Amino acid sequence: MEHIEKVKEIFQRLESQTPIDYSQIASESYELFVSELDRRLLPVNCDKLLIDDKVRVYYYAYDELIVYVITHIRTDIPIITGLLVENKLQAYIIN
């Protein structure tokens, strides 16, 4: 699983509220056009960072928590990492 260490770090910060069983984290990834991204789940003004036509998006889910990592399609270097709780952006990291 790509980027799992960063995802575990985010989940560990939340663990005081909810114990995390790391074996239960589901993951998937997609190559998407930037125009396909749901802007409601992204930080404001993220367009400056999403300069390529396509990106790779990794999703890691545990219960109602989702961490996504948007990366450059060619290099797989993270651009934005976000935390969704009940499908609402709660926190993000600009990489």
N, C-alpha and C. Protein backbone atom coordinates (compact mmCIF):
# COMPACT_ATOMS: atom_id res chain seq x y z
N MET A 1 0.85 -1.18 0.00
CA MET A 1 0.00 0.00 0.00
C MET A 1 0.89 1.24 0.00
N GLU A 2 0.75 2.03 -1.04
CA GLU A 2 1.52 3.26 -1.17
C GLU A 2 1.11 4.27 -0.10
N HIS A 3 2.05 5.04 0.36
CA HIS A 3 1.79 6.17 1.27
C HIS A 3 1.18 5.76 2.61
N ILE A 4 1.26 4.50 2.98
CA ILE A 4 0.58 4.02 4.19
C ILE A 4 1.19 4.62 5.46
N GLU A 5 2.47 4.91 5.46
CA GLU A 5 3.07 5.48 6.68
C GLU A 5 2.47 6.84 7.01
N LYS A 6 2.28 7.67 6.00
CA LYS A 6 1.66 8.97 6.22
C LYS A 6 0.22 8.79 6.69
N VAL A 7 -0.48 7.84 6.11
CA VAL A 7 -1.87 7.58 6.49
C VAL A 7 -1.94 7.09 7.93
N LYS A 8 -1.05 6.18 8.31
CA LYS A 8 -1.02 5.69 9.70
C LYS A 8 -0.76 6.83 10.67
N GLU A 9 0.13 7.74 10.29
CA GLU A 9 0.42 8.89 11.16
C GLU A 9 -0.83 9.73 11.39
N ILE A 10 -1.60 9.94 10.35
CA ILE A 10 -2.84 10.71 10.49
C ILE A 10 -3.83 9.97 11.37
N PHE A 11 -4.00 8.67 11.12
CA PHE A 11 -4.93 7.89 11.94
C PHE A 11 -4.47 7.84 13.40
N GLN A 12 -3.16 7.76 13.65
CA GLN A 12 -2.65 7.73 15.02
C GLN A 12 -3.01 8.99 15.79
N ARG A 13 -3.03 10.11 15.11
CA ARG A 13 -3.42 11.36 15.76
C ARG A 13 -4.89 11.34 16.19
N LEU A 14 -5.68 10.55 15.49
CA LEU A 14 -7.10 10.44 15.80
C LEU A 14 -7.40 9.32 16.78
N GLU A 15 -6.40 8.47 17.03
CA GLU A 15 -6.62 7.24 17.79
C GLU A 15 -7.06 7.50 19.23
N SER A 16 -6.73 8.63 19.80
CA SER A 16 -7.17 8.90 21.17
C SER A 16 -8.69 8.99 21.25
N GLN A 17 -9.32 9.37 20.15
CA GLN A 17 -10.78 9.46 20.10
C GLN A 17 -11.40 8.11 19.72
N THR A 18 -10.76 7.41 18.80
CA THR A 18 -11.26 6.14 18.30
C THR A 18 -10.10 5.18 18.11
N PRO A 19 -10.05 4.06 18.83
CA PRO A 19 -8.98 3.08 18.60
C PRO A 19 -9.04 2.56 17.15
N ILE A 20 -7.90 2.47 16.51
CA ILE A 20 -7.82 2.07 15.11
C ILE A 20 -7.26 0.66 15.00
N ASP A 21 -7.97 -0.21 14.28
CA ASP A 21 -7.47 -1.54 13.94
C ASP A 21 -6.89 -1.43 12.53
N TYR A 22 -5.58 -1.30 12.44
CA TYR A 22 -4.93 -1.02 11.17
C TYR A 22 -5.13 -2.12 10.13
N SER A 23 -5.44 -3.32 10.56
CA SER A 23 -5.69 -4.40 9.60
C SER A 23 -7.03 -4.20 8.88
N GLN A 24 -7.84 -3.29 9.37
CA GLN A 24 -9.15 -3.04 8.77
C GLN A 24 -9.18 -1.82 7.85
N ILE A 25 -8.04 -1.24 7.57
CA ILE A 25 -7.99 -0.10 6.64
C ILE A 25 -8.11 -0.63 5.22
N ALA A 26 -9.11 -0.14 4.51
CA ALA A 26 -9.31 -0.51 3.10
C ALA A 26 -8.63 0.53 2.23
N SER A 27 -8.11 0.11 1.09
CA SER A 27 -7.45 1.08 0.21
C SER A 27 -7.77 0.79 -1.25
N GLU A 28 -7.73 1.86 -2.02
CA GLU A 28 -7.89 1.76 -3.47
C GLU A 28 -7.26 3.00 -4.08
N SER A 29 -6.96 2.93 -5.37
CA SER A 29 -6.39 4.09 -6.04
C SER A 29 -6.96 4.19 -7.45
N TYR A 30 -6.98 5.43 -7.95
CA TYR A 30 -7.53 5.72 -9.27
C TYR A 30 -6.67 6.76 -9.95
N GLU A 31 -6.61 6.68 -11.27
CA GLU A 31 -6.07 7.76 -12.08
C GLU A 31 -7.26 8.56 -12.57
N LEU A 32 -7.27 9.86 -12.27
CA LEU A 32 -8.41 10.70 -12.61
C LEU A 32 -7.94 11.97 -13.30
N PHE A 33 -8.81 12.51 -14.15
CA PHE A 33 -8.59 13.85 -14.65
C PHE A 33 -8.88 14.81 -13.51
N VAL A 34 -8.14 15.89 -13.43
CA VAL A 34 -8.34 16.87 -12.37
C VAL A 34 -9.78 17.36 -12.38
N SER A 35 -10.38 17.47 -13.56
CA SER A 35 -11.77 17.93 -13.67
C SER A 35 -12.76 16.96 -13.02
N GLU A 36 -12.35 15.71 -12.80
CA GLU A 36 -13.23 14.72 -12.17
C GLU A 36 -13.22 14.78 -10.64
N LEU A 37 -12.28 15.51 -10.06
CA LEU A 37 -12.18 15.58 -8.60
C LEU A 37 -13.36 16.36 -8.02
N ASP A 38 -13.87 15.89 -6.90
CA ASP A 38 -14.97 16.56 -6.21
C ASP A 38 -14.41 17.74 -5.43
N ARG A 39 -14.65 18.94 -5.90
CA ARG A 39 -14.08 20.15 -5.30
C ARG A 39 -14.54 20.38 -3.87
N ARG A 40 -15.67 19.82 -3.48
CA ARG A 40 -16.15 19.96 -2.10
C ARG A 40 -15.25 19.23 -1.11
N LEU A 41 -14.45 18.29 -1.60
CA LEU A 41 -13.59 17.49 -0.73
C LEU A 41 -12.13 17.96 -0.76
N LEU A 42 -11.89 19.06 -1.44
CA LEU A 42 -10.53 19.58 -1.60
C LEU A 42 -10.38 20.91 -0.88
N PRO A 43 -9.16 21.28 -0.52
CA PRO A 43 -8.94 22.59 0.07
C PRO A 43 -9.24 23.71 -0.94
N VAL A 44 -9.62 24.85 -0.43
CA VAL A 44 -9.85 26.02 -1.28
C VAL A 44 -8.53 26.39 -1.96
N ASN A 45 -8.62 26.87 -3.16
CA ASN A 45 -7.45 27.32 -3.93
C ASN A 45 -6.46 26.20 -4.26
N CYS A 46 -6.93 24.97 -4.36
CA CYS A 46 -6.03 23.87 -4.69
C CYS A 46 -5.66 23.85 -6.17
N ASP A 47 -6.37 24.66 -6.99
CA ASP A 47 -6.09 24.67 -8.43
C ASP A 47 -4.65 25.04 -8.75
N LYS A 48 -4.03 25.85 -7.91
CA LYS A 48 -2.63 26.24 -8.13
C LYS A 48 -1.69 25.04 -8.04
N LEU A 49 -2.11 24.04 -7.29
CA LEU A 49 -1.27 22.85 -7.08
C LEU A 49 -1.54 21.76 -8.11
N LEU A 50 -2.75 21.72 -8.62
CA LEU A 50 -3.15 20.66 -9.54
C LEU A 50 -2.94 21.14 -10.97
N ILE A 51 -1.68 21.16 -11.40
CA ILE A 51 -1.34 21.77 -12.68
C ILE A 51 -1.36 20.77 -13.84
N ASP A 52 -1.30 19.49 -13.56
CA ASP A 52 -1.37 18.48 -14.62
C ASP A 52 -2.82 18.15 -14.92
N ASP A 53 -3.06 17.55 -16.09
CA ASP A 53 -4.43 17.16 -16.46
C ASP A 53 -4.93 15.98 -15.64
N LYS A 54 -4.00 15.06 -15.30
CA LYS A 54 -4.39 13.85 -14.57
C LYS A 54 -3.58 13.74 -13.29
N VAL A 55 -4.20 13.07 -12.31
CA VAL A 55 -3.54 12.78 -11.03
C VAL A 55 -3.89 11.35 -10.62
N ARG A 56 -3.14 10.84 -9.67
CA ARG A 56 -3.48 9.55 -9.05
C ARG A 56 -4.00 9.87 -7.66
N VAL A 57 -5.12 9.24 -7.30
CA VAL A 57 -5.71 9.46 -5.98
C VAL A 57 -5.76 8.14 -5.24
N TYR A 58 -5.15 8.12 -4.06
CA TYR A 58 -5.19 6.96 -3.17
C TYR A 58 -6.21 7.25 -2.08
N TYR A 59 -7.07 6.27 -1.82
CA TYR A 59 -8.05 6.39 -0.73
C TYR A 59 -7.76 5.32 0.31
N TYR A 60 -7.79 5.71 1.57
CA TYR A 60 -7.63 4.78 2.69
C TYR A 60 -8.80 5.02 3.62
N ALA A 61 -9.60 3.99 3.85
CA ALA A 61 -10.83 4.17 4.64
C ALA A 61 -10.83 3.28 5.87
N TYR A 62 -11.35 3.86 6.94
CA TYR A 62 -11.56 3.13 8.18
C TYR A 62 -12.82 3.70 8.82
N ASP A 63 -13.86 2.89 8.92
CA ASP A 63 -15.16 3.34 9.41
C ASP A 63 -15.59 4.60 8.65
N GLU A 64 -15.85 5.68 9.35
CA GLU A 64 -16.29 6.93 8.72
C GLU A 64 -15.12 7.84 8.33
N LEU A 65 -13.90 7.36 8.55
CA LEU A 65 -12.72 8.17 8.25
C LEU A 65 -12.13 7.78 6.90
N ILE A 66 -11.79 8.78 6.11
CA ILE A 66 -11.12 8.55 4.83
C ILE A 66 -9.94 9.50 4.73
N VAL A 67 -8.80 8.95 4.42
CA VAL A 67 -7.63 9.77 4.11
C VAL A 67 -7.37 9.59 2.62
N TYR A 68 -7.24 10.70 1.91
CA TYR A 68 -6.87 10.61 0.49
C TYR A 68 -5.52 11.26 0.28
N VAL A 69 -4.80 10.73 -0.69
CA VAL A 69 -3.51 11.28 -1.09
C VAL A 69 -3.57 11.48 -2.59
N ILE A 70 -3.46 12.73 -3.02
CA ILE A 70 -3.44 13.05 -4.45
C ILE A 70 -1.98 13.23 -4.84
N THR A 71 -1.56 12.49 -5.88
CA THR A 71 -0.16 12.51 -6.29
C THR A 71 -0.02 12.87 -7.77
N HIS A 72 1.21 13.28 -8.12
CA HIS A 72 1.53 13.47 -9.54
C HIS A 72 1.45 12.11 -10.22
N ILE A 73 0.87 12.08 -11.39
CA ILE A 73 0.64 10.81 -12.09
C ILE A 73 1.96 10.14 -12.48
N ARG A 74 2.97 10.91 -12.87
CA ARG A 74 4.22 10.32 -13.34
C ARG A 74 5.19 9.98 -12.22
N THR A 75 5.26 10.84 -11.21
CA THR A 75 6.27 10.66 -10.17
C THR A 75 5.73 10.04 -8.89
N ASP A 76 4.42 10.06 -8.72
CA ASP A 76 3.75 9.56 -7.51
C ASP A 76 4.13 10.37 -6.26
N ILE A 77 4.62 11.57 -6.46
CA ILE A 77 4.94 12.46 -5.34
C ILE A 77 3.64 13.11 -4.86
N PRO A 78 3.37 13.07 -3.56
CA PRO A 78 2.12 13.65 -3.04
C PRO A 78 2.02 15.16 -3.29
N ILE A 79 0.79 15.59 -3.60
CA ILE A 79 0.47 17.00 -3.78
C ILE A 79 -0.37 17.48 -2.60
N ILE A 80 -1.45 16.75 -2.34
CA ILE A 80 -2.39 17.09 -1.26
C ILE A 80 -2.78 15.81 -0.54
N THR A 81 -2.82 15.88 0.78
CA THR A 81 -3.35 14.79 1.60
C THR A 81 -4.50 15.37 2.40
N GLY A 82 -5.64 14.68 2.38
CA GLY A 82 -6.80 15.20 3.09
C GLY A 82 -7.43 14.17 3.99
N LEU A 83 -8.09 14.64 5.04
CA LEU A 83 -8.84 13.79 5.96
C LEU A 83 -10.31 14.13 5.83
N LEU A 84 -11.12 13.13 5.51
CA LEU A 84 -12.57 13.29 5.43
C LEU A 84 -13.21 12.55 6.59
N VAL A 85 -14.15 13.20 7.24
CA VAL A 85 -14.96 12.56 8.27
C VAL A 85 -16.40 12.77 7.84
N GLU A 86 -17.12 11.66 7.69
CA GLU A 86 -18.49 11.69 7.19
C GLU A 86 -18.57 12.51 5.90
N ASN A 87 -17.62 12.27 5.02
CA ASN A 87 -17.54 12.89 3.68
C ASN A 87 -17.39 14.41 3.70
N LYS A 88 -16.77 14.94 4.75
CA LYS A 88 -16.50 16.38 4.83
C LYS A 88 -15.02 16.56 5.14
N LEU A 89 -14.39 17.48 4.43
CA LEU A 89 -12.97 17.74 4.64
C LEU A 89 -12.76 18.34 6.02
N GLN A 90 -11.95 17.67 6.83
CA GLN A 90 -11.67 18.12 8.20
C GLN A 90 -10.28 18.73 8.34
N ALA A 91 -9.33 18.20 7.57
CA ALA A 91 -7.95 18.68 7.64
C ALA A 91 -7.25 18.29 6.35
N TYR A 92 -6.20 19.03 6.04
CA TYR A 92 -5.42 18.70 4.85
C TYR A 92 -3.98 19.13 5.04
N ILE A 93 -3.12 18.52 4.22
CA ILE A 93 -1.70 18.85 4.21
C ILE A 93 -1.34 19.13 2.76
N ILE A 94 -0.73 20.28 2.52
CA ILE A 94 -0.19 20.58 1.20
C ILE A 94 1.25 20.07 1.22
N ASN A 95 1.55 19.13 0.34
CA ASN A 95 2.86 18.48 0.38
C ASN A 95 3.90 19.25 -0.38
